N, C-alpha and C. Protein backbone atom coordinates (compact mmCIF):
# COMPACT_ATOMS: atom_id res chain seq x y z
N UNK A 1 0.85 -1.13 0.11
CA UNK A 1 0.02 -0.01 0.17
C UNK A 1 0.94 1.29 0.05
N UNK A 2 0.50 2.25 -0.74
CA UNK A 2 1.10 3.57 -0.79
C UNK A 2 1.04 4.18 0.60
N UNK A 3 1.77 5.08 0.98
CA UNK A 3 1.76 5.83 2.23
C UNK A 3 0.38 6.41 2.44
N UNK A 4 -0.18 7.09 1.27
CA UNK A 4 -1.54 7.75 1.34
C UNK A 4 -2.52 6.70 1.85
N UNK A 5 -2.48 5.42 1.14
CA UNK A 5 -3.44 4.45 1.43
C UNK A 5 -3.40 3.90 2.91
N UNK A 6 -2.13 3.83 3.42
CA UNK A 6 -2.06 3.43 4.79
C UNK A 6 -2.57 4.51 5.72
N UNK A 7 -2.29 5.73 5.47
CA UNK A 7 -2.97 6.89 6.09
C UNK A 7 -4.55 6.77 6.17
N UNK A 8 -5.13 6.66 5.11
CA UNK A 8 -6.49 6.58 4.83
C UNK A 8 -7.11 5.53 5.59
N UNK A 9 -6.41 4.31 5.64
CA UNK A 9 -6.92 3.09 6.18
C UNK A 9 -6.82 3.22 7.58
N UNK A 10 -5.78 3.82 8.17
CA UNK A 10 -5.59 4.10 9.74
C UNK A 10 -6.80 5.00 10.28
N UNK A 11 -6.99 6.08 9.49
CA UNK A 11 -7.98 7.04 9.90
C UNK A 11 -9.47 6.41 10.15
N UNK A 12 -9.69 5.70 8.92
CA UNK A 12 -11.14 5.30 8.77
C UNK A 12 -11.24 4.02 9.11
N UNK A 13 -10.37 3.14 9.43
CA UNK A 13 -10.35 1.77 9.77
C UNK A 13 -10.21 0.82 8.49
N UNK A 14 -10.43 1.51 7.26
CA UNK A 14 -10.03 0.71 5.97
C UNK A 14 -10.05 1.88 4.94
N UNK A 15 -9.39 1.49 3.75
CA UNK A 15 -9.34 2.45 2.61
C UNK A 15 -10.85 2.87 2.16
N UNK A 16 -10.99 3.96 1.90
CA UNK A 16 -12.54 4.29 1.50
C UNK A 16 -12.56 4.01 -0.18
N UNK A 17 -13.71 4.09 -0.53
CA UNK A 17 -13.87 3.75 -2.04
C UNK A 17 -15.06 4.57 -2.61
N UNK A 18 -15.17 4.50 -3.91
CA UNK A 18 -16.43 4.88 -4.51
C UNK A 18 -16.99 4.10 -5.49
N UNK A 19 -18.31 3.86 -5.78
CA UNK A 19 -18.84 3.07 -6.72
C UNK A 19 -19.67 3.93 -7.51
N UNK A 20 -19.50 3.82 -8.87
CA UNK A 20 -20.36 4.45 -9.89
C UNK A 20 -21.00 3.26 -10.57
N UNK A 21 -22.32 3.53 -10.95
CA UNK A 21 -22.96 2.45 -11.72
C UNK A 21 -23.65 2.96 -12.90
N UNK A 22 -23.82 1.81 -13.83
CA UNK A 22 -24.60 2.11 -14.99
C UNK A 22 -23.73 2.79 -16.01
N UNK A 23 -22.49 2.87 -16.11
CA UNK A 23 -21.64 3.56 -16.96
C UNK A 23 -21.73 3.10 -18.48
N UNK A 24 -22.03 3.80 -19.36
CA UNK A 24 -21.93 3.28 -20.83
C UNK A 24 -20.47 3.34 -21.26
N UNK A 25 -19.90 2.02 -21.75
CA UNK A 25 -18.63 2.07 -22.34
C UNK A 25 -18.72 2.14 -23.82
N UNK A 26 -19.68 2.31 -24.56
CA UNK A 26 -19.64 2.78 -25.75
C UNK A 26 -20.11 4.23 -25.89
N UNK A 27 -19.52 4.91 -26.86
CA UNK A 27 -19.80 6.37 -26.91
C UNK A 27 -19.97 6.67 -28.39
N UNK A 28 -20.31 8.08 -28.41
CA UNK A 28 -20.15 8.74 -29.88
C UNK A 28 -20.99 8.02 -30.94
N UNK A 29 -20.59 7.74 -32.12
CA UNK A 29 -21.34 7.17 -33.09
C UNK A 29 -21.74 5.69 -32.88
N UNK A 30 -20.70 4.80 -32.38
CA UNK A 30 -21.33 3.53 -31.80
C UNK A 30 -22.54 3.51 -30.97
N UNK A 31 -22.62 4.40 -30.09
CA UNK A 31 -23.82 4.54 -29.20
C UNK A 31 -25.08 5.13 -30.24
N UNK A 32 -24.94 5.94 -30.93
CA UNK A 32 -25.92 6.43 -31.73
C UNK A 32 -26.50 5.37 -32.73
N UNK A 33 -25.67 4.40 -33.19
CA UNK A 33 -26.13 3.37 -34.12
C UNK A 33 -26.44 2.33 -33.37
N UNK A 34 -26.46 2.16 -31.93
CA UNK A 34 -26.82 0.87 -31.38
C UNK A 34 -28.14 0.90 -30.99
N UNK A 35 -28.70 -0.29 -31.03
CA UNK A 35 -30.25 -0.71 -30.76
C UNK A 35 -30.45 -0.57 -29.24
N UNK A 36 -31.74 -0.48 -28.91
CA UNK A 36 -31.90 -0.37 -27.50
C UNK A 36 -31.43 -1.36 -26.60
N UNK A 37 -31.37 -2.77 -27.03
CA UNK A 37 -30.70 -3.84 -26.21
C UNK A 37 -29.15 -3.54 -25.80
N UNK A 38 -28.66 -3.00 -26.91
CA UNK A 38 -27.16 -2.67 -26.63
C UNK A 38 -26.97 -1.59 -25.85
N UNK A 39 -27.76 -0.59 -25.89
CA UNK A 39 -27.59 0.66 -25.24
C UNK A 39 -27.90 0.29 -23.74
N UNK A 40 -28.80 -0.83 -23.39
CA UNK A 40 -29.15 -1.09 -22.04
C UNK A 40 -28.21 -2.04 -21.59
N UNK A 41 -27.61 -3.02 -22.40
CA UNK A 41 -26.73 -4.01 -21.78
C UNK A 41 -25.31 -3.67 -21.71
N UNK A 42 -24.89 -2.76 -22.45
CA UNK A 42 -23.50 -2.55 -22.56
C UNK A 42 -22.95 -1.45 -21.45
N UNK A 43 -22.95 -1.73 -20.25
CA UNK A 43 -22.75 -0.79 -19.30
C UNK A 43 -22.01 -1.58 -18.30
N UNK A 44 -21.23 -0.72 -17.54
CA UNK A 44 -20.38 -1.28 -16.37
C UNK A 44 -20.60 -0.54 -15.00
N UNK A 45 -20.27 -1.19 -13.95
CA UNK A 45 -20.15 -0.71 -12.72
C UNK A 45 -18.68 -0.46 -12.36
N UNK A 46 -18.22 0.60 -11.77
CA UNK A 46 -17.03 0.86 -11.42
C UNK A 46 -16.94 0.99 -9.83
N UNK A 47 -15.88 0.30 -9.18
CA UNK A 47 -15.78 0.61 -7.66
C UNK A 47 -14.32 0.50 -7.69
N UNK A 48 -13.91 1.75 -7.08
CA UNK A 48 -12.34 2.00 -7.05
C UNK A 48 -12.15 2.79 -5.67
N UNK A 49 -10.79 2.76 -5.21
CA UNK A 49 -10.31 3.29 -4.00
C UNK A 49 -10.19 4.71 -4.35
N UNK A 50 -10.62 5.74 -3.47
CA UNK A 50 -10.49 7.08 -3.79
C UNK A 50 -9.13 7.78 -2.93
N UNK A 51 -8.57 7.00 -2.22
CA UNK A 51 -7.49 7.62 -1.49
C UNK A 51 -6.14 6.83 -1.80
N UNK A 52 -6.10 6.03 -3.13
CA UNK A 52 -4.83 5.09 -3.22
C UNK A 52 -4.56 5.25 -4.71
N UNK A 53 -3.79 6.59 -5.05
CA UNK A 53 -3.55 6.77 -6.31
C UNK A 53 -2.70 5.74 -7.11
N UNK A 54 -2.91 5.39 -8.40
CA UNK A 54 -2.18 4.43 -9.13
C UNK A 54 -2.68 3.18 -8.81
N UNK A 55 -3.94 3.13 -8.45
CA UNK A 55 -4.32 1.63 -8.17
C UNK A 55 -4.53 0.64 -9.59
N UNK A 56 -4.55 -0.64 -9.19
CA UNK A 56 -4.55 -1.75 -10.23
C UNK A 56 -6.22 -1.64 -10.50
N UNK A 57 -6.63 -2.17 -11.55
CA UNK A 57 -8.02 -2.50 -11.88
C UNK A 57 -8.12 -3.73 -12.53
N UNK A 58 -9.31 -4.49 -12.19
CA UNK A 58 -9.64 -5.85 -12.71
C UNK A 58 -10.98 -5.43 -13.45
N UNK A 59 -10.87 -5.83 -14.83
CA UNK A 59 -12.10 -5.77 -15.49
C UNK A 59 -12.73 -7.13 -15.48
N UNK A 60 -14.07 -7.26 -15.06
CA UNK A 60 -14.79 -8.50 -14.65
C UNK A 60 -15.89 -8.83 -15.51
N UNK A 61 -15.65 -10.05 -16.27
CA UNK A 61 -16.79 -10.50 -16.95
C UNK A 61 -17.59 -11.57 -16.29
N UNK A 62 -18.76 -11.55 -16.20
CA UNK A 62 -19.53 -12.58 -15.52
C UNK A 62 -19.69 -13.82 -16.44
N UNK A 63 -19.94 -15.02 -15.86
CA UNK A 63 -20.28 -16.17 -16.66
C UNK A 63 -21.81 -16.27 -16.97
N UNK A 64 -22.20 -17.41 -17.64
CA UNK A 64 -23.53 -17.64 -18.02
C UNK A 64 -23.77 -18.23 -19.40
N UNK A 65 -22.61 -18.75 -19.99
CA UNK A 65 -22.72 -19.58 -21.23
C UNK A 65 -22.93 -18.57 -22.34
N UNK A 66 -22.69 -17.31 -22.08
CA UNK A 66 -22.72 -16.40 -23.22
C UNK A 66 -24.57 -15.99 -23.66
N UNK A 67 -25.33 -16.81 -22.85
CA UNK A 67 -26.79 -16.76 -22.87
C UNK A 67 -27.35 -16.05 -21.81
N UNK A 68 -26.74 -16.07 -20.58
CA UNK A 68 -27.36 -15.44 -19.35
C UNK A 68 -26.24 -14.78 -18.45
N UNK A 69 -26.81 -14.54 -17.18
CA UNK A 69 -25.95 -13.90 -16.15
C UNK A 69 -25.94 -12.33 -16.26
N UNK A 70 -25.56 -11.63 -15.32
CA UNK A 70 -25.47 -10.17 -15.43
C UNK A 70 -24.29 -9.69 -14.80
N UNK A 71 -23.92 -8.44 -14.87
CA UNK A 71 -22.74 -7.86 -14.29
C UNK A 71 -22.81 -7.77 -12.72
N UNK A 72 -21.86 -8.17 -12.14
CA UNK A 72 -21.59 -8.03 -10.67
C UNK A 72 -20.25 -7.86 -10.30
N UNK A 73 -20.03 -7.30 -9.17
CA UNK A 73 -18.66 -7.15 -8.43
C UNK A 73 -18.35 -8.51 -8.07
N UNK A 74 -16.84 -8.83 -8.16
CA UNK A 74 -16.25 -10.04 -7.36
C UNK A 74 -15.86 -9.47 -6.04
N UNK A 75 -15.80 -10.18 -5.21
CA UNK A 75 -15.54 -9.95 -3.93
C UNK A 75 -13.88 -10.23 -3.58
N UNK A 76 -13.43 -8.91 -3.83
CA UNK A 76 -11.92 -9.07 -3.56
C UNK A 76 -11.52 -8.57 -2.15
N UNK A 77 -10.50 -9.39 -1.50
CA UNK A 77 -9.94 -8.92 -0.13
C UNK A 77 -9.35 -7.72 -0.07
N UNK A 78 -8.81 -7.14 -1.15
CA UNK A 78 -8.24 -6.00 -1.21
C UNK A 78 -8.84 -4.74 -1.54
N UNK A 79 -9.28 -3.84 -0.88
CA UNK A 79 -9.94 -2.62 -1.20
C UNK A 79 -9.24 -1.58 -2.04
N UNK A 80 -8.00 -1.83 -2.06
CA UNK A 80 -7.19 -0.93 -2.78
C UNK A 80 -7.01 -1.39 -4.36
N UNK A 81 -7.80 -2.27 -4.84
CA UNK A 81 -7.85 -2.63 -6.31
C UNK A 81 -9.16 -2.14 -6.74
N UNK A 82 -9.40 -1.61 -7.84
CA UNK A 82 -10.50 -1.23 -8.53
C UNK A 82 -11.23 -2.33 -9.25
N UNK A 83 -12.52 -2.41 -9.27
CA UNK A 83 -13.14 -3.57 -10.29
C UNK A 83 -14.33 -2.85 -11.10
N UNK A 84 -13.96 -3.19 -12.38
CA UNK A 84 -15.22 -2.90 -13.27
C UNK A 84 -16.07 -4.10 -13.65
N UNK A 85 -17.39 -4.04 -13.23
CA UNK A 85 -18.02 -5.28 -13.50
C UNK A 85 -18.90 -5.01 -14.70
N UNK A 86 -18.62 -5.77 -15.83
CA UNK A 86 -19.16 -5.64 -17.17
C UNK A 86 -20.50 -6.34 -17.65
N UNK A 87 -21.27 -5.60 -18.09
CA UNK A 87 -22.51 -6.14 -18.87
C UNK A 87 -22.20 -6.38 -20.27
N UNK A 88 -22.61 -7.18 -20.94
CA UNK A 88 -22.51 -7.44 -22.35
C UNK A 88 -23.53 -8.26 -22.96
N UNK A 89 -23.75 -8.11 -24.30
CA UNK A 89 -24.71 -8.60 -25.03
C UNK A 89 -24.72 -9.99 -25.02
N UNK A 90 -25.97 -10.70 -24.89
CA UNK A 90 -25.97 -12.10 -24.86
C UNK A 90 -26.83 -12.74 -25.86
N UNK A 91 -26.52 -13.89 -26.23
CA UNK A 91 -27.10 -14.70 -27.34
C UNK A 91 -28.50 -15.21 -26.78
N UNK A 92 -29.61 -15.34 -27.39
CA UNK A 92 -29.56 -15.12 -28.93
C UNK A 92 -30.14 -13.60 -29.38
N UNK A 93 -30.30 -12.79 -28.14
CA UNK A 93 -30.53 -11.41 -28.61
C UNK A 93 -29.53 -10.75 -29.46
N UNK A 94 -28.32 -11.13 -29.26
CA UNK A 94 -26.97 -10.72 -29.94
C UNK A 94 -26.53 -11.96 -30.67
N UNK A 95 -25.95 -11.62 -31.81
CA UNK A 95 -25.30 -12.59 -32.61
C UNK A 95 -23.64 -12.61 -32.25
N UNK A 96 -23.13 -13.91 -32.50
CA UNK A 96 -21.65 -13.91 -32.38
C UNK A 96 -21.22 -12.98 -33.45
N UNK A 97 -20.09 -12.13 -33.18
CA UNK A 97 -19.16 -12.09 -32.05
C UNK A 97 -19.51 -10.82 -31.20
N UNK A 98 -20.82 -10.39 -31.03
CA UNK A 98 -21.21 -9.24 -30.40
C UNK A 98 -20.60 -9.29 -28.86
N UNK A 99 -20.65 -10.34 -28.33
CA UNK A 99 -20.13 -10.28 -26.81
C UNK A 99 -18.43 -10.14 -26.81
N UNK A 100 -17.95 -10.68 -27.96
CA UNK A 100 -16.45 -10.32 -27.85
C UNK A 100 -16.16 -8.72 -28.34
N UNK A 101 -16.89 -8.21 -29.14
CA UNK A 101 -16.83 -6.73 -29.37
C UNK A 101 -17.06 -5.90 -28.23
N UNK A 102 -18.18 -6.43 -27.33
CA UNK A 102 -18.42 -5.67 -26.23
C UNK A 102 -17.37 -5.86 -25.06
N UNK A 103 -16.74 -6.96 -24.85
CA UNK A 103 -15.77 -7.14 -24.05
C UNK A 103 -14.56 -6.27 -24.37
N UNK A 104 -14.26 -6.23 -25.74
CA UNK A 104 -13.12 -5.38 -26.19
C UNK A 104 -13.32 -3.95 -25.91
N UNK A 105 -14.69 -3.52 -26.17
CA UNK A 105 -14.94 -2.05 -25.97
C UNK A 105 -15.07 -1.75 -24.40
N UNK A 106 -15.40 -2.68 -23.53
CA UNK A 106 -15.35 -2.37 -22.13
C UNK A 106 -14.01 -2.23 -21.68
N UNK A 107 -13.08 -3.33 -22.06
CA UNK A 107 -11.90 -3.11 -21.62
C UNK A 107 -11.03 -1.82 -22.21
N UNK A 108 -11.44 -1.51 -23.36
CA UNK A 108 -10.78 -0.24 -23.90
C UNK A 108 -11.11 0.95 -23.06
N UNK A 109 -12.45 0.97 -22.80
CA UNK A 109 -12.98 2.06 -21.94
C UNK A 109 -12.26 2.20 -20.65
N UNK A 110 -11.93 1.15 -19.95
CA UNK A 110 -11.40 0.94 -18.63
C UNK A 110 -9.94 1.55 -18.88
N UNK A 111 -9.12 1.10 -19.98
CA UNK A 111 -7.72 1.45 -20.12
C UNK A 111 -7.66 2.97 -20.33
N UNK A 112 -8.73 3.42 -21.25
CA UNK A 112 -8.53 4.99 -21.56
C UNK A 112 -9.05 5.65 -20.38
N UNK A 113 -9.90 5.31 -19.44
CA UNK A 113 -10.53 6.23 -18.45
C UNK A 113 -10.06 6.11 -17.24
N UNK A 114 -9.50 4.83 -16.82
CA UNK A 114 -9.24 4.76 -15.20
C UNK A 114 -8.34 5.57 -14.69
N UNK A 115 -7.47 6.18 -15.53
CA UNK A 115 -6.63 7.36 -14.83
C UNK A 115 -7.47 8.41 -14.31
N UNK A 116 -8.52 8.75 -14.99
CA UNK A 116 -9.41 9.92 -14.42
C UNK A 116 -9.91 9.62 -12.94
N UNK A 117 -9.94 8.35 -12.58
CA UNK A 117 -10.33 8.09 -11.32
C UNK A 117 -9.23 7.77 -10.28
N UNK A 118 -8.15 7.90 -10.73
CA UNK A 118 -7.01 7.80 -10.11
C UNK A 118 -6.09 6.47 -10.30
N UNK A 119 -6.61 5.51 -11.13
CA UNK A 119 -6.07 4.40 -11.47
C UNK A 119 -4.72 4.53 -12.45
N UNK A 120 -4.13 3.24 -12.42
CA UNK A 120 -2.97 3.26 -13.69
C UNK A 120 -3.32 2.55 -14.71
N UNK A 121 -3.29 3.08 -15.92
CA UNK A 121 -3.81 2.36 -17.02
C UNK A 121 -2.98 1.16 -17.43
N UNK A 122 -1.65 1.24 -16.84
CA UNK A 122 -0.86 0.15 -17.31
C UNK A 122 -1.00 -1.02 -16.22
N UNK A 123 -2.12 -0.81 -15.42
CA UNK A 123 -2.21 -1.98 -14.45
C UNK A 123 -3.61 -2.54 -14.47
N UNK A 124 -4.08 -2.76 -15.80
CA UNK A 124 -5.48 -3.09 -16.01
C UNK A 124 -5.43 -4.59 -16.26
N UNK A 125 -6.06 -5.49 -15.54
CA UNK A 125 -6.07 -6.90 -15.64
C UNK A 125 -7.49 -7.15 -16.15
N UNK A 126 -7.76 -8.26 -16.97
CA UNK A 126 -8.92 -8.69 -17.32
C UNK A 126 -9.26 -10.03 -16.81
N UNK A 127 -10.29 -10.08 -16.31
CA UNK A 127 -10.60 -11.67 -15.61
C UNK A 127 -12.12 -11.82 -15.92
N UNK A 128 -12.43 -13.13 -15.83
CA UNK A 128 -14.01 -13.41 -15.86
C UNK A 128 -14.08 -15.13 -15.49
N UNK A 129 -15.27 -15.22 -15.24
CA UNK A 129 -15.54 -16.76 -14.85
C UNK A 129 -16.32 -17.51 -15.84
N UNK A 130 -15.89 -18.60 -16.50
CA UNK A 130 -16.68 -19.30 -17.41
C UNK A 130 -16.79 -18.72 -18.74
N UNK A 131 -17.92 -18.22 -19.11
CA UNK A 131 -18.09 -17.65 -20.37
C UNK A 131 -17.28 -16.21 -20.17
N UNK A 132 -16.96 -15.70 -18.94
CA UNK A 132 -16.29 -14.34 -18.91
C UNK A 132 -14.86 -14.70 -18.99
N UNK A 133 -14.57 -16.09 -18.66
CA UNK A 133 -13.03 -16.52 -18.80
C UNK A 133 -12.73 -16.73 -20.26
N UNK A 134 -13.72 -17.06 -21.11
CA UNK A 134 -13.62 -17.36 -22.43
C UNK A 134 -13.37 -15.78 -23.17
N UNK A 135 -14.17 -14.88 -22.61
CA UNK A 135 -13.96 -13.39 -23.18
C UNK A 135 -12.68 -12.82 -22.81
N UNK A 136 -12.34 -13.13 -21.54
CA UNK A 136 -10.85 -12.79 -21.19
C UNK A 136 -9.94 -13.26 -22.06
N UNK A 137 -9.99 -14.61 -22.38
CA UNK A 137 -8.77 -15.20 -23.12
C UNK A 137 -8.82 -14.79 -24.45
N UNK A 138 -10.04 -14.50 -24.92
CA UNK A 138 -10.03 -14.18 -26.55
C UNK A 138 -9.62 -12.75 -26.79
N UNK A 139 -10.13 -11.87 -25.95
CA UNK A 139 -9.73 -10.42 -26.24
C UNK A 139 -8.31 -10.29 -25.73
N UNK A 140 -7.78 -11.06 -24.68
CA UNK A 140 -6.38 -10.85 -24.18
C UNK A 140 -5.36 -11.58 -24.99
N UNK A 141 -5.70 -12.58 -25.74
CA UNK A 141 -4.71 -13.16 -26.58
C UNK A 141 -4.93 -13.16 -28.25
N UNK A 142 -5.86 -12.40 -28.68
CA UNK A 142 -6.13 -12.25 -30.02
C UNK A 142 -6.29 -10.62 -30.24
N UNK A 143 -5.40 -10.07 -30.80
CA UNK A 143 -5.10 -8.71 -30.86
C UNK A 143 -6.23 -8.10 -31.85
N UNK A 144 -6.98 -8.79 -32.59
CA UNK A 144 -8.14 -8.09 -33.43
C UNK A 144 -9.17 -7.56 -32.73
N UNK A 145 -9.35 -7.99 -31.44
CA UNK A 145 -10.54 -7.41 -30.68
C UNK A 145 -10.47 -6.11 -30.27
N UNK A 146 -9.14 -5.80 -29.57
CA UNK A 146 -8.78 -4.44 -29.06
C UNK A 146 -8.27 -3.58 -30.16
N UNK A 147 -7.84 -4.05 -31.42
CA UNK A 147 -7.20 -3.19 -32.29
C UNK A 147 -8.26 -2.06 -32.78
N UNK A 148 -9.59 -2.41 -32.99
CA UNK A 148 -10.40 -1.27 -33.62
C UNK A 148 -10.44 -0.14 -32.45
N UNK A 149 -10.07 -0.31 -31.23
CA UNK A 149 -9.95 0.70 -30.26
C UNK A 149 -8.75 1.29 -29.99
N UNK A 150 -7.57 0.98 -30.97
CA UNK A 150 -6.43 1.54 -30.84
C UNK A 150 -5.68 1.00 -29.74
N UNK A 151 -5.87 -0.03 -29.11
CA UNK A 151 -5.22 -0.50 -28.11
C UNK A 151 -4.63 -2.04 -28.36
N UNK A 152 -3.40 -2.09 -27.89
CA UNK A 152 -2.90 -3.47 -28.05
C UNK A 152 -3.21 -4.38 -26.96
N UNK A 153 -3.41 -5.69 -27.15
CA UNK A 153 -3.88 -6.57 -26.28
C UNK A 153 -2.39 -6.75 -25.34
N UNK A 154 -1.25 -6.60 -25.94
CA UNK A 154 -0.01 -6.63 -24.93
C UNK A 154 0.08 -5.51 -23.89
N UNK A 155 -0.80 -4.54 -24.05
CA UNK A 155 -0.72 -3.40 -23.06
C UNK A 155 -1.42 -3.86 -21.79
N UNK A 156 -2.21 -4.98 -21.84
CA UNK A 156 -2.85 -5.52 -20.57
C UNK A 156 -1.96 -6.10 -19.55
N UNK A 157 -2.06 -5.85 -18.39
CA UNK A 157 -1.14 -6.21 -17.29
C UNK A 157 -1.26 -7.64 -17.02
N UNK A 158 -2.39 -8.26 -17.21
CA UNK A 158 -2.53 -9.62 -17.03
C UNK A 158 -3.93 -10.17 -17.37
N UNK A 159 -4.11 -11.66 -17.70
CA UNK A 159 -5.20 -12.29 -17.98
C UNK A 159 -5.50 -13.12 -16.67
N UNK A 160 -6.82 -13.22 -16.44
CA UNK A 160 -7.29 -14.32 -15.21
C UNK A 160 -8.42 -14.99 -15.76
N UNK A 161 -8.36 -15.92 -16.84
CA UNK A 161 -9.71 -16.62 -17.15
C UNK A 161 -10.04 -17.70 -16.14
N UNK A 162 -10.90 -17.52 -15.26
CA UNK A 162 -11.32 -18.67 -14.15
C UNK A 162 -12.27 -19.55 -14.96
N UNK A 163 -12.00 -21.01 -15.02
CA UNK A 163 -12.88 -21.93 -15.60
C UNK A 163 -13.23 -21.45 -17.05
N UNK A 164 -12.32 -20.84 -17.66
CA UNK A 164 -12.58 -20.41 -18.98
C UNK A 164 -12.47 -21.44 -20.13
N UNK A 165 -13.30 -21.42 -21.15
CA UNK A 165 -13.18 -22.37 -22.19
C UNK A 165 -12.25 -21.62 -23.34
N UNK A 166 -10.99 -22.05 -23.25
CA UNK A 166 -10.07 -20.99 -24.04
C UNK A 166 -9.64 -21.46 -25.55
N UNK A 167 -10.13 -22.34 -25.97
CA UNK A 167 -10.14 -22.60 -27.41
C UNK A 167 -11.20 -22.11 -28.10
N UNK A 168 -12.43 -22.42 -27.70
CA UNK A 168 -13.57 -21.79 -28.00
C UNK A 168 -14.69 -22.02 -27.08
N UNK A 169 -15.70 -21.37 -27.20
CA UNK A 169 -16.92 -21.61 -26.09
C UNK A 169 -17.75 -22.50 -26.58
N UNK A 170 -18.34 -23.40 -25.75
CA UNK A 170 -19.26 -24.42 -26.28
C UNK A 170 -20.52 -23.70 -26.98
N UNK A 171 -20.97 -22.53 -26.70
CA UNK A 171 -22.09 -21.89 -27.38
C UNK A 171 -21.65 -21.50 -28.82
N UNK A 172 -20.42 -21.01 -28.94
CA UNK A 172 -19.74 -20.68 -30.15
C UNK A 172 -19.69 -22.02 -31.10
N UNK A 173 -19.24 -23.13 -30.34
CA UNK A 173 -18.98 -24.34 -31.37
C UNK A 173 -20.50 -24.77 -31.70
N UNK A 174 -21.37 -24.63 -30.84
CA UNK A 174 -22.90 -25.00 -31.39
C UNK A 174 -23.36 -24.00 -32.45
N UNK A 175 -23.13 -22.64 -32.46
CA UNK A 175 -23.24 -21.71 -33.48
C UNK A 175 -22.54 -22.18 -34.83
N UNK A 176 -21.47 -22.88 -34.71
CA UNK A 176 -20.62 -23.17 -35.77
C UNK A 176 -21.06 -24.54 -36.56
N UNK A 177 -22.18 -25.22 -35.87
CA UNK A 177 -22.65 -26.48 -36.23
C UNK A 177 -21.78 -27.77 -35.76
N UNK A 178 -20.98 -27.39 -34.61
CA UNK A 178 -20.29 -28.63 -34.08
C UNK A 178 -21.37 -29.21 -33.07
N UNK A 179 -21.64 -30.51 -33.35
CA UNK A 179 -22.62 -31.44 -32.64
C UNK A 179 -21.92 -32.24 -31.68
N UNK A 180 -20.58 -32.35 -31.69
CA UNK A 180 -19.85 -33.28 -30.84
C UNK A 180 -20.03 -32.80 -29.32
N UNK A 181 -19.53 -33.97 -28.76
CA UNK A 181 -19.75 -33.60 -26.96
C UNK A 181 -19.07 -32.36 -26.64
N UNK A 182 -19.47 -31.68 -25.48
CA UNK A 182 -18.74 -30.45 -25.09
C UNK A 182 -17.53 -30.85 -24.43
């Protein structure tokens, strides 16, 4: 912890934090061209420490088989790490690869904007569980997803795919006509 974080924790009993909800990670022309489902679904919640400059951030993608689930904060034991809980479009309302495009757009938003809240854009980690782990691996390992946002996947501090399907997702296999076992 930085000296400022230690002082804040000593005074308050723990480091203080801020939570912002329902932030759109698409903007400009992309948002004007979006349908109502995309406008509603493509949002994130951001929880960050307000007295610890230079903090790391975890971009968190929920699980749900790419067909269900909703954004939520993961429970980290360290209040000095920010978390961006991301919502993304789901199948069948959205078609492949919409959820990958959303994951990349949300990650790019965090990389571009986290410094405005006191974070370090060089300390952005991407993580997710199950389908979220798949999204994590795909945008973190394949440069084509972040490239339209002018960001290299190599800029990410790390990838944490928890129980992710890293070659492809079972839902994507199904969409591609693969009827073999999962």
